[in-house]
Structures are given as structure tokens and as C-alpha cells.
Amino acid sequence: MRYKIAIATMTLDRKGNAELMESALDVLSKLPYPVYVSDGGSSERFVQSLNKMGHNVKYVPGGLTYQHRDAISRASNSGQIVLYTEPDKYDWFCNGLEETVKLYEADKQEFAAVGRTPDIFRTFPTHQQKWEKRMNGIITEKVGVKGDFIYGPKLFPQSLGHMVEEIDEDIGWGTLMFLVGRASKIGLPIRNIYTANQCPFDQRNDDNGNYRKKQFKDNKKGFNLGLR
């Protein structure tokens, strides 16, 4: 069965990341899926570039929670299946995305997180490994499924996607972990699809421990919120 798929992502062109995001989102524009972008206040030039690619761009102030909620909600209105991804996964868009979709459709997986094998996981910065391993351990304990749920891309049915509209507090990066928790609560099968790419070489020294700790706290908060 072929599902109608819609992609949800968010953007903010800061810290010199505009070129990478534009390259990655250009790859997405060549695929047969609508892309819903929630933008946090990028430059006019950047937004115009995404519009020219044919993406559905909307300005969403307030931070990550609100961008995630908006993009996932709009994609859920469009597709039977939502594919969420960060906007900078260029390598995975080129070498993983289409394989992931095929595996998802073949196995009829209700909630699938793109995961990293142990070898690939070890290519990421040390602090990132530390905090993401801890979060994966919490999920495994609560959900009973061992795997990697933090890498980024996830596929899930539109009915689950609409549940992000229940989030009425700022949980930072935790929106996707909210969906993991909620999938478990309502009994959706949860699986990994191992098509993640190695950490890009220019990001392997990006080892901000405080930032990764904050992500962990956001993720844990979102996950526990989804389990309620």
C-alpha cells in the first residue's frame, strides 16, 4: 500500500547554517511529498528561497515547541503519514530517506524512528552520545523497545500527529519525544529503521555539554508529558 506522505520541518537561518539548510531543502523539493516548514524568523532572502522551491512556509514565533507543533499539525492535515525531520539532514535526504519510506510501508510500522547503529552512534560528539544514550535508556525502560529514538527523522500516522495540538507549554526539543510517549500510551507499535548516516565531519567537534544536557531535559519532559 502506498501512503500519502507529508513532511514536517522547521527552520531558522542562524549561525551560518543557511547554506546547508537550503541545500537540504532543495533535495526535499525534488521528492513527491509536500513539505511544511515552520520558520522561526529567518531572513527574507532565506524564506523567499524556500518559497521558490515550492515549500509551504509559515512564520511561527515563540520557539521550537511552537514550530514543531505547527509543522506537524499542518503535515497531519495533508498526509496519511507524517515524516518529521530536522532541516539539515542533507546526507540522509540523499542516502536514507527514500529507503526509510520503503521500509516503513513494507512493514506497516505505526511509529518509526530513524536510528543509528552502534558504530554510527560512536561518530557523534561525546556529550551528545552521553545524553542521548541516557534518553534512549529511559525510553527503553518505559516502552520496552530498545533502540535509538533521538537521531531525528520519524514516521507516524496523521492521527498521532494531530496530538501535538494538545501541547500547551514550552517543552523545547521535547515535542518529538512527546509523540514517542503518546504512541506508547495509545498502543502504537514503536520501531527503529536503521538508515541514519554518520555524523558529518564538520560537526564532530561540536560538543557543547550544556546544550546537550538541556536537550535531554526537554526530551525527558516531552516524553513524560506524552505518557500522561
Protein backbone atom coordinates (compact mmCIF):
# COMPACT_ATOMS: atom_id res chain seq x y z
CA MET A 1 0.00 0.00 0.00
CA ARG A 2 1.28 3.45 -0.89
CA TYR A 3 0.56 6.04 1.77
CA LYS A 4 0.17 9.74 1.13
CA ILE A 5 3.15 11.22 2.94
CA ALA A 6 3.73 14.82 4.06
CA ILE A 7 6.96 16.18 5.51
CA ALA A 8 7.16 18.46 8.56
CA THR A 9 10.25 20.50 9.41
CA MET A 10 11.33 23.81 10.92
CA THR A 11 13.94 26.43 10.02
CA LEU A 12 15.85 29.40 11.42
CA ASP A 13 18.82 30.71 9.45
CA ARG A 14 21.26 31.49 12.23
CA LYS A 15 24.92 30.64 12.98
CA GLY A 16 25.88 30.20 9.33
CA ASN A 17 23.54 27.27 8.70
CA ALA A 18 21.52 28.81 5.84
CA GLU A 19 23.54 27.25 3.01
CA LEU A 20 23.28 23.73 4.45
CA MET A 21 19.55 24.04 5.06
CA GLU A 22 18.89 25.42 1.59
CA SER A 23 20.85 22.57 0.01
CA ALA A 24 18.99 20.01 2.10
CA LEU A 25 15.56 21.52 1.49
CA ASP A 26 16.31 21.69 -2.21
CA VAL A 27 16.73 17.90 -2.14
CA LEU A 28 13.33 17.60 -0.44
CA SER A 29 11.75 19.78 -3.13
CA LYS A 30 12.63 17.11 -5.72
CA LEU A 31 10.67 14.42 -3.86
CA PRO A 32 6.95 13.73 -4.41
CA TYR A 33 5.92 14.88 -0.92
CA PRO A 34 4.61 18.26 0.24
CA VAL A 35 6.90 19.94 2.77
CA TYR A 36 5.51 22.06 5.62
CA VAL A 37 8.09 24.43 7.06
CA SER A 38 7.57 26.40 10.28
CA ASP A 39 10.09 29.23 10.25
CA GLY A 40 11.18 30.95 13.44
CA GLY A 41 12.12 34.30 11.89
CA SER A 42 14.68 33.79 9.13
CA SER A 43 15.84 36.45 6.70
CA GLU A 44 13.53 37.44 3.89
CA ARG A 45 16.04 36.11 1.37
CA PHE A 46 16.08 32.69 3.01
CA VAL A 47 12.28 32.44 3.20
CA GLN A 48 11.92 33.52 -0.43
CA SER A 49 14.39 30.79 -1.40
CA LEU A 50 12.23 28.14 0.31
CA ASN A 51 9.07 29.53 -1.27
CA LYS A 52 10.67 29.29 -4.72
CA MET A 53 11.36 25.62 -4.04
CA GLY A 54 7.61 25.13 -3.57
CA HIS A 55 7.61 24.53 0.18
CA ASN A 56 4.73 25.56 2.44
CA VAL A 57 6.47 28.11 4.67
CA LYS A 58 4.82 29.79 7.66
CA TYR A 59 6.30 32.20 10.18
CA VAL A 60 5.87 30.76 13.68
CA PRO A 61 7.30 32.81 16.57
CA GLY A 62 7.86 31.62 20.11
CA GLY A 63 10.46 28.88 19.78
CA LEU A 64 10.91 25.23 18.89
CA THR A 65 7.80 23.84 20.59
CA TYR A 66 5.53 26.09 18.56
CA GLN A 67 7.41 25.48 15.32
CA HIS A 68 7.26 21.70 15.80
CA ARG A 69 3.59 21.79 16.75
CA ASP A 70 2.66 23.92 13.74
CA ALA A 71 4.64 21.98 11.12
CA ILE A 72 3.46 18.58 12.38
CA SER A 73 -0.16 19.76 12.61
CA ARG A 74 -0.16 21.11 9.06
CA ALA A 75 1.53 17.99 7.69
CA SER A 76 -1.04 15.86 9.55
CA ASN A 77 -3.82 17.73 7.74
CA SER A 78 -2.20 16.83 4.42
CA GLY A 79 -0.76 13.33 4.67
CA GLN A 80 -1.89 9.95 5.94
CA ILE A 81 1.66 9.57 7.21
CA VAL A 82 3.85 12.37 8.55
CA LEU A 83 7.60 12.33 8.10
CA TYR A 84 9.22 14.70 10.57
CA THR A 85 12.83 15.70 10.07
CA GLU A 86 15.26 18.43 11.03
CA PRO A 87 16.08 20.64 8.02
CA ASP A 88 19.83 19.97 7.89
CA LYS A 89 19.91 16.18 7.30
CA TYR A 90 21.39 16.59 3.81
CA ASP A 91 23.26 13.27 3.75
CA TRP A 92 20.23 11.36 4.99
CA PHE A 93 17.93 13.07 2.47
CA CYS A 94 20.25 11.87 -0.30
CA ASN A 95 21.08 8.44 1.17
CA GLY A 96 18.39 7.19 3.52
CA LEU A 97 15.07 8.97 3.22
CA GLU A 98 13.58 7.03 0.33
CA GLU A 99 14.84 3.73 1.74
CA THR A 100 13.21 4.60 5.07
CA VAL A 101 9.86 5.29 3.41
CA LYS A 102 10.00 1.95 1.55
CA LEU A 103 10.83 0.04 4.74
CA TYR A 104 8.08 1.82 6.65
CA GLU A 105 5.47 1.00 4.03
CA ALA A 106 6.64 -2.61 3.66
CA ASP A 107 6.49 -3.36 7.38
CA LYS A 108 3.39 -1.26 8.17
CA GLN A 109 5.17 0.26 11.15
CA GLU A 110 2.94 2.67 13.03
CA PHE A 111 5.70 4.75 14.67
CA ALA A 112 9.20 4.51 13.27
CA ALA A 113 12.26 6.44 14.40
CA VAL A 114 15.30 6.51 12.16
CA GLY A 115 18.07 5.06 14.28
CA ARG A 116 21.86 4.88 14.38
CA THR A 117 23.69 1.58 14.65
CA PRO A 118 26.29 1.47 17.49
CA ASP A 119 29.14 2.12 15.02
CA ILE A 120 27.42 5.16 13.56
CA PHE A 121 26.41 6.42 17.02
CA ARG A 122 30.07 6.50 18.05
CA THR A 123 30.85 9.04 15.30
CA PHE A 124 28.87 11.70 17.19
CA PRO A 125 30.34 14.07 19.82
CA THR A 126 30.99 12.65 23.29
CA HIS A 127 28.49 14.77 25.23
CA GLN A 128 25.82 14.14 22.62
CA GLN A 129 26.36 10.40 22.97
CA LYS A 130 26.20 10.64 26.77
CA TRP A 131 22.87 12.45 27.00
CA GLU A 132 21.19 10.74 24.05
CA LYS A 133 22.19 7.32 25.39
CA ARG A 134 20.59 8.27 28.71
CA MET A 135 17.37 9.35 26.99
CA ASN A 136 17.24 6.19 24.90
CA GLY A 137 17.63 4.20 28.12
CA ILE A 138 14.63 5.96 29.68
CA ILE A 139 12.52 5.22 26.60
CA THR A 140 13.58 1.58 26.56
CA GLU A 141 12.64 1.18 30.23
CA LYS A 142 9.18 2.71 29.79
CA VAL A 143 8.28 1.45 26.30
CA GLY A 144 10.05 -1.90 26.24
CA VAL A 145 11.69 -1.26 22.87
CA LYS A 146 15.46 -0.94 22.70
CA GLY A 147 16.83 1.38 20.06
CA ASP A 148 17.83 4.90 19.06
CA PHE A 149 14.99 7.42 19.15
CA ILE A 150 16.92 10.70 19.19
CA TYR A 151 18.62 10.97 15.79
CA GLY A 152 15.78 12.97 14.28
CA PRO A 153 13.60 11.68 11.43
CA LYS A 154 10.39 9.92 12.42
CA LEU A 155 7.36 8.50 10.58
CA PHE A 156 3.93 8.24 12.17
CA PRO A 157 0.21 8.28 11.27
CA GLN A 158 -1.65 11.56 10.96
CA SER A 159 -3.87 10.64 13.92
CA LEU A 160 -0.83 10.68 16.19
CA GLY A 161 0.49 13.84 14.56
CA HIS A 162 -2.66 15.74 15.46
CA MET A 163 -2.00 15.00 19.14
CA VAL A 164 0.77 17.62 19.21
CA GLU A 165 -2.06 20.15 19.36
CA GLU A 166 -2.55 19.06 22.99
CA ILE A 167 0.84 20.53 23.94
CA ASP A 168 0.14 23.82 25.70
CA GLU A 169 3.52 24.50 27.33
CA ASP A 170 7.03 25.18 26.10
CA ILE A 171 8.93 21.88 26.03
CA GLY A 172 11.75 22.95 23.71
CA TRP A 173 13.09 19.97 21.77
CA GLY A 174 10.66 17.62 23.54
CA THR A 175 7.81 17.58 21.01
CA LEU A 176 9.05 14.50 19.18
CA MET A 177 9.64 12.67 22.46
CA PHE A 178 6.07 13.62 23.38
CA LEU A 179 4.97 11.67 20.31
CA VAL A 180 7.09 8.66 21.32
CA GLY A 181 5.44 8.67 24.75
CA ARG A 182 1.96 9.16 23.33
CA ALA A 183 2.46 6.37 20.75
CA SER A 184 3.31 4.05 23.64
CA LYS A 185 0.32 5.21 25.67
CA ILE A 186 -2.19 4.51 22.90
CA GLY A 187 -0.60 1.20 21.93
CA LEU A 188 1.03 2.01 18.59
CA PRO A 189 3.91 -0.30 17.69
CA ILE A 190 7.23 1.55 18.03
CA ARG A 191 10.22 0.55 15.92
CA ASN A 192 13.60 1.74 14.65
CA ILE A 193 14.60 1.88 10.99
CA TYR A 194 18.39 1.90 10.81
CA THR A 195 19.19 4.21 7.89
CA ALA A 196 20.93 7.03 9.78
CA ASN A 197 24.19 8.44 8.41
CA GLN A 198 27.42 9.12 10.27
CA CYS A 199 27.90 12.47 11.96
CA PRO A 200 29.24 14.96 9.35
CA PHE A 201 32.96 15.57 9.88
CA ASP A 202 32.47 19.32 10.40
CA GLN A 203 30.07 18.63 13.31
CA ARG A 204 32.13 16.03 15.20
CA ASN A 205 33.80 18.65 17.41
CA ASP A 206 30.52 20.45 18.16
CA ASP A 207 30.44 19.09 21.72
CA ASN A 208 28.52 21.61 23.83
CA GLY A 209 27.72 19.69 27.00
CA ASN A 210 25.33 22.28 28.43
CA TYR A 211 23.31 22.37 25.21
CA ARG A 212 23.07 18.58 25.08
CA LYS A 213 22.02 18.46 28.73
CA LYS A 214 19.25 20.98 28.00
CA GLN A 215 18.10 18.86 25.05
CA PHE A 216 17.98 15.85 27.38
CA LYS A 217 15.82 17.74 29.89
CA ASP A 218 13.49 18.91 27.10
CA ASN A 219 13.25 15.39 25.68
CA LYS A 220 12.56 13.83 29.06
CA LYS A 221 9.87 16.42 29.82
CA GLY A 222 8.19 15.85 26.45
CA PHE A 223 8.32 12.07 26.78
CA ASN A 224 6.76 12.11 30.24
CA LEU A 225 4.08 14.51 29.01
CA GLY A 226 3.21 12.09 26.21
CA LEU A 227 2.84 9.21 28.66
CA ARG A 228 0.22 11.02 30.75
